[in-house]
Amino acid sequence: KMVETAVEQDDELMEAYLDGNEPSIEDIKRCIRKGTINLDFFPTFCGS
């Protein structure tokens, strides 16, 4: 779910992902950062 949501922020990564190429952790972080700043989604953590 996370990777699918993240790659929506970058068309090239999205195409590569649909062709079966797993994006790198750096690329996923970059996409999550972009989506968070655009208020598209909110990274959710848990703990005590």
ModelCIF file with pLDDT and N, C-alpha, C, O atoms, coordinates in Angstrom:
data_MODEL
#
_entry.id   MODEL 
#
_entity.id                         1 
_entity.type                       polymer 
_entity.pdbx_number_of_molecules   1 
#
_entity_poly.entity_id                      1 
_entity_poly.type                           'polypeptide(L)' 
_entity_poly.nstd_linkage                   no 
_entity_poly.nstd_monomer                   no 
_entity_poly.pdbx_seq_one_letter_code       KMVETAVEQDDELMEAYLDGNEPSIEDIKRCIRKGTINLDFFPTFCGS 
_entity_poly.pdbx_seq_one_letter_code_can   KMVETAVEQDDELMEAYLDGNEPSIEDIKRCIRKGTINLDFFPTFCGS 
_entity_poly.pdbx_strand_id                 A 
#
loop_
_entity_poly_seq.entity_id 
_entity_poly_seq.num 
_entity_poly_seq.mon_id 
_entity_poly_seq.hetero 
1 1  LYS n 
1 2  MET n 
1 3  VAL n 
1 4  GLU n 
1 5  THR n 
1 6  ALA n 
1 7  VAL n 
1 8  GLU n 
1 9  GLN n 
1 10 ASP n 
1 11 ASP n 
1 12 GLU n 
1 13 LEU n 
1 14 MET n 
1 15 GLU n 
1 16 ALA n 
1 17 TYR n 
1 18 LEU n 
1 19 ASP n 
1 20 GLY n 
1 21 ASN n 
1 22 GLU n 
1 23 PRO n 
1 24 SER n 
1 25 ILE n 
1 26 GLU n 
1 27 ASP n 
1 28 ILE n 
1 29 LYS n 
1 30 ARG n 
1 31 CYS n 
1 32 ILE n 
1 33 ARG n 
1 34 LYS n 
1 35 GLY n 
1 36 THR n 
1 37 ILE n 
1 38 ASN n 
1 39 LEU n 
1 40 ASP n 
1 41 PHE n 
1 42 PHE n 
1 43 PRO n 
1 44 THR n 
1 45 PHE n 
1 46 CYS n 
1 47 GLY n 
1 48 SER n 
#
_struct_asym.id          A 
_struct_asym.entity_id   1 
#
loop_
_ma_qa_metric.id 
_ma_qa_metric.mode 
_ma_qa_metric.name 
_ma_qa_metric.software_group_id 
_ma_qa_metric.type 
1 global pLDDT . pLDDT 
2 local  pLDDT . pLDDT 
#
_ma_qa_metric_global.metric_id      1 
_ma_qa_metric_global.metric_value   88.94 
_ma_qa_metric_global.model_id       1 
_ma_qa_metric_global.ordinal_id     1 
#
loop_
_ma_qa_metric_local.label_asym_id 
_ma_qa_metric_local.label_comp_id 
_ma_qa_metric_local.label_seq_id 
_ma_qa_metric_local.metric_id 
_ma_qa_metric_local.metric_value 
_ma_qa_metric_local.model_id 
_ma_qa_metric_local.ordinal_id 
A LYS 1  2 89.00 1 1  
A MET 2  2 89.00 1 2  
A VAL 3  2 90.00 1 3  
A GLU 4  2 89.00 1 4  
A THR 5  2 90.00 1 5  
A ALA 6  2 89.00 1 6  
A VAL 7  2 89.00 1 7  
A GLU 8  2 89.00 1 8  
A GLN 9  2 88.00 1 9  
A ASP 10 2 88.00 1 10 
A ASP 11 2 88.00 1 11 
A GLU 12 2 89.00 1 12 
A LEU 13 2 88.00 1 13 
A MET 14 2 89.00 1 14 
A GLU 15 2 89.00 1 15 
A ALA 16 2 88.00 1 16 
A TYR 17 2 87.00 1 17 
A LEU 18 2 87.00 1 18 
A ASP 19 2 87.00 1 19 
A GLY 20 2 84.00 1 20 
A ASN 21 2 85.00 1 21 
A GLU 22 2 86.00 1 22 
A PRO 23 2 87.00 1 23 
A SER 24 2 88.00 1 24 
A ILE 25 2 88.00 1 25 
A GLU 26 2 90.00 1 26 
A ASP 27 2 90.00 1 27 
A ILE 28 2 89.00 1 28 
A LYS 29 2 90.00 1 29 
A ARG 30 2 90.00 1 30 
A CYS 31 2 91.00 1 31 
A ILE 32 2 91.00 1 32 
A ARG 33 2 90.00 1 33 
A LYS 34 2 91.00 1 34 
A GLY 35 2 91.00 1 35 
A THR 36 2 91.00 1 36 
A ILE 37 2 89.00 1 37 
A ASN 38 2 89.00 1 38 
A LEU 39 2 88.00 1 39 
A ASP 40 2 91.00 1 40 
A PHE 41 2 91.00 1 41 
A PHE 42 2 92.00 1 42 
A PRO 43 2 93.00 1 43 
A THR 44 2 92.00 1 44 
A PHE 45 2 91.00 1 45 
A CYS 46 2 89.00 1 46 
A GLY 47 2 86.00 1 47 
A SER 48 2 84.00 1 48 
#
loop_
_atom_site.group_PDB 
_atom_site.id 
_atom_site.type_symbol 
_atom_site.label_atom_id 
_atom_site.label_alt_id 
_atom_site.label_comp_id 
_atom_site.label_asym_id 
_atom_site.label_entity_id 
_atom_site.label_seq_id 
_atom_site.pdbx_PDB_ins_code 
_atom_site.Cartn_x 
_atom_site.Cartn_y 
_atom_site.Cartn_z 
_atom_site.occupancy 
_atom_site.B_iso_or_equiv 
_atom_site.pdbx_formal_charge 
_atom_site.auth_seq_id 
_atom_site.auth_comp_id 
_atom_site.auth_asym_id 
_atom_site.auth_atom_id 
_atom_site.pdbx_PDB_model_num 
ATOM 1   N N  . LYS A 1 1  ? 0.849  -1.215 0.000   1.00 89.00 ? 1  LYS A N  1 
ATOM 2   C CA . LYS A 1 1  ? 0.000  0.000  0.000   1.00 89.00 ? 1  LYS A CA 1 
ATOM 3   C C  . LYS A 1 1  ? 0.874  1.250  0.000   1.00 89.00 ? 1  LYS A C  1 
ATOM 4   O O  . LYS A 1 1  ? 0.609  2.204  -0.731  1.00 89.00 ? 1  LYS A O  1 
ATOM 5   N N  . MET A 1 2  ? 1.937  1.233  0.843   1.00 89.00 ? 2  MET A N  1 
ATOM 6   C CA . MET A 1 2  ? 2.807  2.403  0.971   1.00 89.00 ? 2  MET A CA 1 
ATOM 7   C C  . MET A 1 2  ? 3.488  2.726  -0.361  1.00 89.00 ? 2  MET A C  1 
ATOM 8   O O  . MET A 1 2  ? 3.502  3.876  -0.799  1.00 89.00 ? 2  MET A O  1 
ATOM 9   N N  . VAL A 1 3  ? 4.050  1.695  -0.995  1.00 90.00 ? 3  VAL A N  1 
ATOM 10  C CA . VAL A 1 3  ? 4.791  1.930  -2.242  1.00 90.00 ? 3  VAL A CA 1 
ATOM 11  C C  . VAL A 1 3  ? 3.834  2.429  -3.325  1.00 90.00 ? 3  VAL A C  1 
ATOM 12  O O  . VAL A 1 3  ? 4.164  3.348  -4.075  1.00 90.00 ? 3  VAL A O  1 
ATOM 13  N N  . GLU A 1 4  ? 2.650  1.820  -3.403  1.00 89.00 ? 4  GLU A N  1 
ATOM 14  C CA . GLU A 1 4  ? 1.679  2.253  -4.426  1.00 89.00 ? 4  GLU A CA 1 
ATOM 15  C C  . GLU A 1 4  ? 1.287  3.713  -4.229  1.00 89.00 ? 4  GLU A C  1 
ATOM 16  O O  . GLU A 1 4  ? 1.204  4.479  -5.189  1.00 89.00 ? 4  GLU A O  1 
ATOM 17  N N  . THR A 1 5  ? 1.045  4.090  -2.970  1.00 90.00 ? 5  THR A N  1 
ATOM 18  C CA . THR A 1 5  ? 0.652  5.477  -2.683  1.00 90.00 ? 5  THR A CA 1 
ATOM 19  C C  . THR A 1 5  ? 1.802  6.429  -2.998  1.00 90.00 ? 5  THR A C  1 
ATOM 20  O O  . THR A 1 5  ? 1.596  7.509  -3.551  1.00 90.00 ? 5  THR A O  1 
ATOM 21  N N  . ALA A 1 6  ? 3.025  6.008  -2.635  1.00 89.00 ? 6  ALA A N  1 
ATOM 22  C CA . ALA A 1 6  ? 4.181  6.893  -2.815  1.00 89.00 ? 6  ALA A CA 1 
ATOM 23  C C  . ALA A 1 6  ? 4.475  7.154  -4.292  1.00 89.00 ? 6  ALA A C  1 
ATOM 24  O O  . ALA A 1 6  ? 4.691  8.300  -4.685  1.00 89.00 ? 6  ALA A O  1 
ATOM 25  N N  . VAL A 1 7  ? 4.484  6.086  -5.123  1.00 89.00 ? 7  VAL A N  1 
ATOM 26  C CA . VAL A 1 7  ? 4.914  6.277  -6.521  1.00 89.00 ? 7  VAL A CA 1 
ATOM 27  C C  . VAL A 1 7  ? 3.904  7.093  -7.336  1.00 89.00 ? 7  VAL A C  1 
ATOM 28  O O  . VAL A 1 7  ? 4.216  7.553  -8.434  1.00 89.00 ? 7  VAL A O  1 
ATOM 29  N N  . GLU A 1 8  ? 2.692  7.271  -6.793  1.00 89.00 ? 8  GLU A N  1 
ATOM 30  C CA . GLU A 1 8  ? 1.726  8.142  -7.492  1.00 89.00 ? 8  GLU A CA 1 
ATOM 31  C C  . GLU A 1 8  ? 2.258  9.571  -7.613  1.00 89.00 ? 8  GLU A C  1 
ATOM 32  O O  . GLU A 1 8  ? 1.773  10.348 -8.436  1.00 89.00 ? 8  GLU A O  1 
ATOM 33  N N  . GLN A 1 9  ? 3.264  9.921  -6.784  1.00 88.00 ? 9  GLN A N  1 
ATOM 34  C CA . GLN A 1 9  ? 3.796  11.292 -6.796  1.00 88.00 ? 9  GLN A CA 1 
ATOM 35  C C  . GLN A 1 9  ? 4.812  11.495 -7.930  1.00 88.00 ? 9  GLN A C  1 
ATOM 36  O O  . GLN A 1 9  ? 5.246  12.621 -8.175  1.00 88.00 ? 9  GLN A O  1 
ATOM 37  N N  . ASP A 1 10 ? 5.191  10.415 -8.617  1.00 88.00 ? 10 ASP A N  1 
ATOM 38  C CA . ASP A 1 10 ? 6.241  10.543 -9.637  1.00 88.00 ? 10 ASP A CA 1 
ATOM 39  C C  . ASP A 1 10 ? 5.895  9.625  -10.810 1.00 88.00 ? 10 ASP A C  1 
ATOM 40  O O  . ASP A 1 10 ? 5.906  8.402  -10.665 1.00 88.00 ? 10 ASP A O  1 
ATOM 41  N N  . ASP A 1 11 ? 5.590  10.206 -11.968 1.00 88.00 ? 11 ASP A N  1 
ATOM 42  C CA . ASP A 1 11 ? 5.100  9.417  -13.107 1.00 88.00 ? 11 ASP A CA 1 
ATOM 43  C C  . ASP A 1 11 ? 6.111  8.376  -13.588 1.00 88.00 ? 11 ASP A C  1 
ATOM 44  O O  . ASP A 1 11 ? 5.740  7.248  -13.914 1.00 88.00 ? 11 ASP A O  1 
ATOM 45  N N  . GLU A 1 12 ? 7.405  8.765  -13.632 1.00 89.00 ? 12 GLU A N  1 
ATOM 46  C CA . GLU A 1 12 ? 8.422  7.817  -14.135 1.00 89.00 ? 12 GLU A CA 1 
ATOM 47  C C  . GLU A 1 12 ? 8.523  6.593  -13.222 1.00 89.00 ? 12 GLU A C  1 
ATOM 48  O O  . GLU A 1 12 ? 8.561  5.452  -13.684 1.00 89.00 ? 12 GLU A O  1 
ATOM 49  N N  . LEU A 1 13 ? 8.566  6.867  -11.893 1.00 88.00 ? 13 LEU A N  1 
ATOM 50  C CA . LEU A 1 13 ? 8.651  5.758  -10.933 1.00 88.00 ? 13 LEU A CA 1 
ATOM 51  C C  . LEU A 1 13 ? 7.412  4.879  -11.039 1.00 88.00 ? 13 LEU A C  1 
ATOM 52  O O  . LEU A 1 13 ? 7.484  3.655  -10.933 1.00 88.00 ? 13 LEU A O  1 
ATOM 53  N N  . MET A 1 14 ? 6.285  5.530  -11.248 1.00 89.00 ? 14 MET A N  1 
ATOM 54  C CA . MET A 1 14 ? 5.012  4.804  -11.338 1.00 89.00 ? 14 MET A CA 1 
ATOM 55  C C  . MET A 1 14 ? 5.071  3.805  -12.499 1.00 89.00 ? 14 MET A C  1 
ATOM 56  O O  . MET A 1 14 ? 4.685  2.645  -12.355 1.00 89.00 ? 14 MET A O  1 
ATOM 57  N N  . GLU A 1 15 ? 5.566  4.282  -13.661 1.00 89.00 ? 15 GLU A N  1 
ATOM 58  C CA . GLU A 1 15 ? 5.651  3.398  -14.830 1.00 89.00 ? 15 GLU A CA 1 
ATOM 59  C C  . GLU A 1 15 ? 6.604  2.232  -14.557 1.00 89.00 ? 15 GLU A C  1 
ATOM 60  O O  . GLU A 1 15 ? 6.315  1.077  -14.870 1.00 89.00 ? 15 GLU A O  1 
ATOM 61  N N  . ALA A 1 16 ? 7.770  2.583  -13.954 1.00 88.00 ? 16 ALA A N  1 
ATOM 62  C CA . ALA A 1 16 ? 8.763  1.540  -13.659 1.00 88.00 ? 16 ALA A CA 1 
ATOM 63  C C  . ALA A 1 16 ? 8.187  0.511  -12.685 1.00 88.00 ? 16 ALA A C  1 
ATOM 64  O O  . ALA A 1 16 ? 8.437  -0.688 -12.809 1.00 88.00 ? 16 ALA A O  1 
ATOM 65  N N  . TYR A 1 17 ? 7.408  1.003  -11.710 1.00 87.00 ? 17 TYR A N  1 
ATOM 66  C CA . TYR A 1 17 ? 6.819  0.112  -10.698 1.00 87.00 ? 17 TYR A CA 1 
ATOM 67  C C  . TYR A 1 17 ? 5.783  -0.818 -11.348 1.00 87.00 ? 17 TYR A C  1 
ATOM 68  O O  . TYR A 1 17 ? 5.704  -2.003 -11.024 1.00 87.00 ? 17 TYR A O  1 
ATOM 69  N N  . LEU A 1 18 ? 5.000  -0.259 -12.261 1.00 87.00 ? 18 LEU A N  1 
ATOM 70  C CA . LEU A 1 18 ? 3.985  -1.072 -12.935 1.00 87.00 ? 18 LEU A CA 1 
ATOM 71  C C  . LEU A 1 18 ? 4.645  -2.128 -13.829 1.00 87.00 ? 18 LEU A C  1 
ATOM 72  O O  . LEU A 1 18 ? 4.066  -3.183 -14.090 1.00 87.00 ? 18 LEU A O  1 
ATOM 73  N N  . ASP A 1 19 ? 5.875  -1.827 -14.297 1.00 87.00 ? 19 ASP A N  1 
ATOM 74  C CA . ASP A 1 19 ? 6.616  -2.805 -15.114 1.00 87.00 ? 19 ASP A CA 1 
ATOM 75  C C  . ASP A 1 19 ? 7.332  -3.835 -14.242 1.00 87.00 ? 19 ASP A C  1 
ATOM 76  O O  . ASP A 1 19 ? 8.048  -4.701 -14.745 1.00 87.00 ? 19 ASP A O  1 
ATOM 77  N N  . GLY A 1 20 ? 7.126  -3.726 -12.912 1.00 84.00 ? 20 GLY A N  1 
ATOM 78  C CA . GLY A 1 20 ? 7.701  -4.737 -12.023 1.00 84.00 ? 20 GLY A CA 1 
ATOM 79  C C  . GLY A 1 20 ? 9.025  -4.346 -11.390 1.00 84.00 ? 20 GLY A C  1 
ATOM 80  O O  . GLY A 1 20 ? 9.676  -5.191 -10.774 1.00 84.00 ? 20 GLY A O  1 
ATOM 81  N N  . ASN A 1 21 ? 9.452  -3.072 -11.522 1.00 85.00 ? 21 ASN A N  1 
ATOM 82  C CA . ASN A 1 21 ? 10.711 -2.643 -10.887 1.00 85.00 ? 21 ASN A CA 1 
ATOM 83  C C  . ASN A 1 21 ? 10.426 -2.015 -9.528  1.00 85.00 ? 21 ASN A C  1 
ATOM 84  O O  . ASN A 1 21 ? 9.696  -1.028 -9.445  1.00 85.00 ? 21 ASN A O  1 
ATOM 85  N N  . GLU A 1 22 ? 10.980 -2.564 -8.489  1.00 86.00 ? 22 GLU A N  1 
ATOM 86  C CA . GLU A 1 22 ? 10.773 -2.055 -7.123  1.00 86.00 ? 22 GLU A CA 1 
ATOM 87  C C  . GLU A 1 22 ? 11.593 -0.769 -6.945  1.00 86.00 ? 22 GLU A C  1 
ATOM 88  O O  . GLU A 1 22 ? 12.796 -0.789 -7.202  1.00 86.00 ? 22 GLU A O  1 
ATOM 89  N N  . PRO A 1 23 ? 10.980 0.364  -6.509  1.00 87.00 ? 23 PRO A N  1 
ATOM 90  C CA . PRO A 1 23 ? 11.768 1.598  -6.315  1.00 87.00 ? 23 PRO A CA 1 
ATOM 91  C C  . PRO A 1 23 ? 12.704 1.463  -5.109  1.00 87.00 ? 23 PRO A C  1 
ATOM 92  O O  . PRO A 1 23 ? 12.457 0.665  -4.205  1.00 87.00 ? 23 PRO A O  1 
ATOM 93  N N  . SER A 1 24 ? 13.775 2.252  -5.111  1.00 88.00 ? 24 SER A N  1 
ATOM 94  C CA . SER A 1 24 ? 14.723 2.214  -3.980  1.00 88.00 ? 24 SER A CA 1 
ATOM 95  C C  . SER A 1 24 ? 14.103 2.923  -2.776  1.00 88.00 ? 24 SER A C  1 
ATOM 96  O O  . SER A 1 24 ? 13.143 3.683  -2.905  1.00 88.00 ? 24 SER A O  1 
ATOM 97  N N  . ILE A 1 25 ? 14.681 2.651  -1.599  1.00 88.00 ? 25 ILE A N  1 
ATOM 98  C CA . ILE A 1 25 ? 14.168 3.304  -0.371  1.00 88.00 ? 25 ILE A CA 1 
ATOM 99  C C  . ILE A 1 25 ? 14.281 4.824  -0.505  1.00 88.00 ? 25 ILE A C  1 
ATOM 100 O O  . ILE A 1 25 ? 13.395 5.555  -0.062  1.00 88.00 ? 25 ILE A O  1 
ATOM 101 N N  . GLU A 1 26 ? 15.380 5.302  -1.121  1.00 90.00 ? 26 GLU A N  1 
ATOM 102 C CA . GLU A 1 26 ? 15.572 6.766  -1.295  1.00 90.00 ? 26 GLU A CA 1 
ATOM 103 C C  . GLU A 1 26 ? 14.440 7.355  -2.138  1.00 90.00 ? 26 GLU A C  1 
ATOM 104 O O  . GLU A 1 26 ? 13.890 8.408  -1.816  1.00 90.00 ? 26 GLU A O  1 
ATOM 105 N N  . ASP A 1 27 ? 14.102 6.649  -3.231  1.00 90.00 ? 27 ASP A N  1 
ATOM 106 C CA . ASP A 1 27 ? 13.032 7.143  -4.112  1.00 90.00 ? 27 ASP A CA 1 
ATOM 107 C C  . ASP A 1 27 ? 11.685 7.168  -3.389  1.00 90.00 ? 27 ASP A C  1 
ATOM 108 O O  . ASP A 1 27 ? 10.906 8.110  -3.531  1.00 90.00 ? 27 ASP A O  1 
ATOM 109 N N  . ILE A 1 28 ? 11.424 6.101  -2.602  1.00 89.00 ? 28 ILE A N  1 
ATOM 110 C CA . ILE A 1 28 ? 10.141 6.052  -1.878  1.00 89.00 ? 28 ILE A CA 1 
ATOM 111 C C  . ILE A 1 28 ? 10.076 7.223  -0.890  1.00 89.00 ? 28 ILE A C  1 
ATOM 112 O O  . ILE A 1 28 ? 9.056  7.904  -0.785  1.00 89.00 ? 28 ILE A O  1 
ATOM 113 N N  . LYS A 1 29 ? 11.183 7.446  -0.166  1.00 90.00 ? 29 LYS A N  1 
ATOM 114 C CA . LYS A 1 29 ? 11.204 8.552  0.817   1.00 90.00 ? 29 LYS A CA 1 
ATOM 115 C C  . LYS A 1 29 ? 10.951 9.887  0.122   1.00 90.00 ? 29 LYS A C  1 
ATOM 116 O O  . LYS A 1 29 ? 10.201 10.728 0.618   1.00 90.00 ? 29 LYS A O  1 
ATOM 117 N N  . ARG A 1 30 ? 11.590 10.068 -1.035  1.00 90.00 ? 30 ARG A N  1 
ATOM 118 C CA . ARG A 1 30 ? 11.431 11.340 -1.760  1.00 90.00 ? 30 ARG A CA 1 
ATOM 119 C C  . ARG A 1 30 ? 9.957  11.541 -2.142  1.00 90.00 ? 30 ARG A C  1 
ATOM 120 O O  . ARG A 1 30 ? 9.423  12.643 -2.014  1.00 90.00 ? 30 ARG A O  1 
ATOM 121 N N  . CYS A 1 31 ? 9.311  10.478 -2.608  1.00 91.00 ? 31 CYS A N  1 
ATOM 122 C CA . CYS A 1 31 ? 7.893  10.573 -3.003  1.00 91.00 ? 31 CYS A CA 1 
ATOM 123 C C  . CYS A 1 31 ? 6.991  10.824 -1.795  1.00 91.00 ? 31 CYS A C  1 
ATOM 124 O O  . CYS A 1 31 ? 6.050  11.615 -1.859  1.00 91.00 ? 31 CYS A O  1 
ATOM 125 N N  . ILE A 1 32 ? 7.300  10.126 -0.679  1.00 91.00 ? 32 ILE A N  1 
ATOM 126 C CA . ILE A 1 32 ? 6.465  10.320 0.521   1.00 91.00 ? 32 ILE A CA 1 
ATOM 127 C C  . ILE A 1 32 ? 6.606  11.761 1.000   1.00 91.00 ? 32 ILE A C  1 
ATOM 128 O O  . ILE A 1 32 ? 5.631  12.381 1.425   1.00 91.00 ? 32 ILE A O  1 
ATOM 129 N N  . ARG A 1 33 ? 7.809  12.282 0.928   1.00 90.00 ? 33 ARG A N  1 
ATOM 130 C CA . ARG A 1 33 ? 8.044  13.669 1.351   1.00 90.00 ? 33 ARG A CA 1 
ATOM 131 C C  . ARG A 1 33 ? 7.203  14.631 0.503   1.00 90.00 ? 33 ARG A C  1 
ATOM 132 O O  . ARG A 1 33 ? 6.560  15.547 1.017   1.00 90.00 ? 33 ARG A O  1 
ATOM 133 N N  . LYS A 1 34 ? 7.231  14.390 -0.816  1.00 91.00 ? 34 LYS A N  1 
ATOM 134 C CA . LYS A 1 34 ? 6.483  15.269 -1.729  1.00 91.00 ? 34 LYS A CA 1 
ATOM 135 C C  . LYS A 1 34 ? 4.980  15.226 -1.418  1.00 91.00 ? 34 LYS A C  1 
ATOM 136 O O  . LYS A 1 34 ? 4.316  16.259 -1.341  1.00 91.00 ? 34 LYS A O  1 
ATOM 137 N N  . GLY A 1 35 ? 4.461  13.993 -1.239  1.00 91.00 ? 35 GLY A N  1 
ATOM 138 C CA . GLY A 1 35 ? 3.023  13.841 -0.973  1.00 91.00 ? 35 GLY A CA 1 
ATOM 139 C C  . GLY A 1 35 ? 2.611  14.427 0.369   1.00 91.00 ? 35 GLY A C  1 
ATOM 140 O O  . GLY A 1 35 ? 1.517  14.972 0.511   1.00 91.00 ? 35 GLY A O  1 
ATOM 141 N N  . THR A 1 36 ? 3.516  14.307 1.371   1.00 91.00 ? 36 THR A N  1 
ATOM 142 C CA . THR A 1 36 ? 3.215  14.851 2.707   1.00 91.00 ? 36 THR A CA 1 
ATOM 143 C C  . THR A 1 36 ? 3.124  16.371 2.640   1.00 91.00 ? 36 THR A C  1 
ATOM 144 O O  . THR A 1 36 ? 2.221  16.982 3.212   1.00 91.00 ? 36 THR A O  1 
ATOM 145 N N  . ILE A 1 37 ? 4.092  16.976 1.918   1.00 89.00 ? 37 ILE A N  1 
ATOM 146 C CA . ILE A 1 37 ? 4.106  18.443 1.827   1.00 89.00 ? 37 ILE A CA 1 
ATOM 147 C C  . ILE A 1 37 ? 2.893  18.938 1.039   1.00 89.00 ? 37 ILE A C  1 
ATOM 148 O O  . ILE A 1 37 ? 2.382  20.027 1.300   1.00 89.00 ? 37 ILE A O  1 
ATOM 149 N N  . ASN A 1 38 ? 2.428  18.126 0.063   1.00 89.00 ? 38 ASN A N  1 
ATOM 150 C CA . ASN A 1 38 ? 1.233  18.521 -0.713  1.00 89.00 ? 38 ASN A CA 1 
ATOM 151 C C  . ASN A 1 38 ? -0.069 18.195 0.012   1.00 89.00 ? 38 ASN A C  1 
ATOM 152 O O  . ASN A 1 38 ? -1.152 18.428 -0.523  1.00 89.00 ? 38 ASN A O  1 
ATOM 153 N N  . LEU A 1 39 ? 0.033  17.651 1.243   1.00 88.00 ? 39 LEU A N  1 
ATOM 154 C CA . LEU A 1 39 ? -1.134 17.261 2.051   1.00 88.00 ? 39 LEU A CA 1 
ATOM 155 C C  . LEU A 1 39 ? -1.944 16.136 1.401   1.00 88.00 ? 39 LEU A C  1 
ATOM 156 O O  . LEU A 1 39 ? -3.135 15.996 1.680   1.00 88.00 ? 39 LEU A O  1 
ATOM 157 N N  . ASP A 1 40 ? -1.312 15.332 0.536   1.00 91.00 ? 40 ASP A N  1 
ATOM 158 C CA . ASP A 1 40 ? -2.034 14.213 -0.094  1.00 91.00 ? 40 ASP A CA 1 
ATOM 159 C C  . ASP A 1 40 ? -2.246 13.076 0.897   1.00 91.00 ? 40 ASP A C  1 
ATOM 160 O O  . ASP A 1 40 ? -3.260 12.381 0.841   1.00 91.00 ? 40 ASP A O  1 
ATOM 161 N N  . PHE A 1 41 ? -1.292 12.886 1.804   1.00 91.00 ? 41 PHE A N  1 
ATOM 162 C CA . PHE A 1 41 ? -1.439 11.851 2.834   1.00 91.00 ? 41 PHE A CA 1 
ATOM 163 C C  . PHE A 1 41 ? -0.576 12.223 4.033   1.00 91.00 ? 41 PHE A C  1 
ATOM 164 O O  . PHE A 1 41 ? 0.201  13.176 3.983   1.00 91.00 ? 41 PHE A O  1 
ATOM 165 N N  . PHE A 1 42 ? -0.723 11.457 5.108   1.00 92.00 ? 42 PHE A N  1 
ATOM 166 C CA . PHE A 1 42 ? -0.035 11.773 6.356   1.00 92.00 ? 42 PHE A CA 1 
ATOM 167 C C  . PHE A 1 42 ? 0.690  10.525 6.866   1.00 92.00 ? 42 PHE A C  1 
ATOM 168 O O  . PHE A 1 42 ? 0.032  9.578  7.297   1.00 92.00 ? 42 PHE A O  1 
ATOM 169 N N  . PRO A 1 43 ? 2.036  10.496 6.831   1.00 93.00 ? 43 PRO A N  1 
ATOM 170 C CA . PRO A 1 43 ? 2.766  9.333  7.350   1.00 93.00 ? 43 PRO A CA 1 
ATOM 171 C C  . PRO A 1 43 ? 2.372  9.079  8.807   1.00 93.00 ? 43 PRO A C  1 
ATOM 172 O O  . PRO A 1 43 ? 2.348  10.003 9.620   1.00 93.00 ? 43 PRO A O  1 
ATOM 173 N N  . THR A 1 44 ? 2.063  7.817  9.129   1.00 92.00 ? 44 THR A N  1 
ATOM 174 C CA . THR A 1 44 ? 1.504  7.481  10.437  1.00 92.00 ? 44 THR A CA 1 
ATOM 175 C C  . THR A 1 44 ? 2.415  6.508  11.186  1.00 92.00 ? 44 THR A C  1 
ATOM 176 O O  . THR A 1 44 ? 2.742  5.426  10.698  1.00 92.00 ? 44 THR A O  1 
ATOM 177 N N  . PHE A 1 45 ? 2.813  6.933  12.388  1.00 91.00 ? 45 PHE A N  1 
ATOM 178 C CA . PHE A 1 45 ? 3.731  6.136  13.217  1.00 91.00 ? 45 PHE A CA 1 
ATOM 179 C C  . PHE A 1 45 ? 2.997  5.680  14.473  1.00 91.00 ? 45 PHE A C  1 
ATOM 180 O O  . PHE A 1 45 ? 1.921  6.187  14.792  1.00 91.00 ? 45 PHE A O  1 
ATOM 181 N N  . CYS A 1 46 ? 3.596  4.704  15.194  1.00 89.00 ? 46 CYS A N  1 
ATOM 182 C CA . CYS A 1 46 ? 2.944  4.257  16.413  1.00 89.00 ? 46 CYS A CA 1 
ATOM 183 C C  . CYS A 1 46 ? 3.985  4.035  17.496  1.00 89.00 ? 46 CYS A C  1 
ATOM 184 O O  . CYS A 1 46 ? 5.175  3.903  17.213  1.00 89.00 ? 46 CYS A O  1 
ATOM 185 N N  . GLY A 1 47 ? 3.518  3.993  18.755  1.00 86.00 ? 47 GLY A N  1 
ATOM 186 C CA . GLY A 1 47 ? 4.455  3.768  19.854  1.00 86.00 ? 47 GLY A CA 1 
ATOM 187 C C  . GLY A 1 47 ? 3.833  4.120  21.184  1.00 86.00 ? 47 GLY A C  1 
ATOM 188 O O  . GLY A 1 47 ? 2.618  4.278  21.306  1.00 86.00 ? 47 GLY A O  1 
ATOM 189 N N  . SER A 1 48 ? 4.704  4.242  22.191  1.00 84.00 ? 48 SER A N  1 
ATOM 190 C CA . SER A 1 48 ? 4.256  4.653  23.518  1.00 84.00 ? 48 SER A CA 1 
ATOM 191 C C  . SER A 1 48 ? 5.287  5.641  24.053  1.00 84.00 ? 48 SER A C  1 
ATOM 192 O O  . SER A 1 48 ? 5.142  6.143  25.167  1.00 84.00 ? 48 SER A O  1 
#
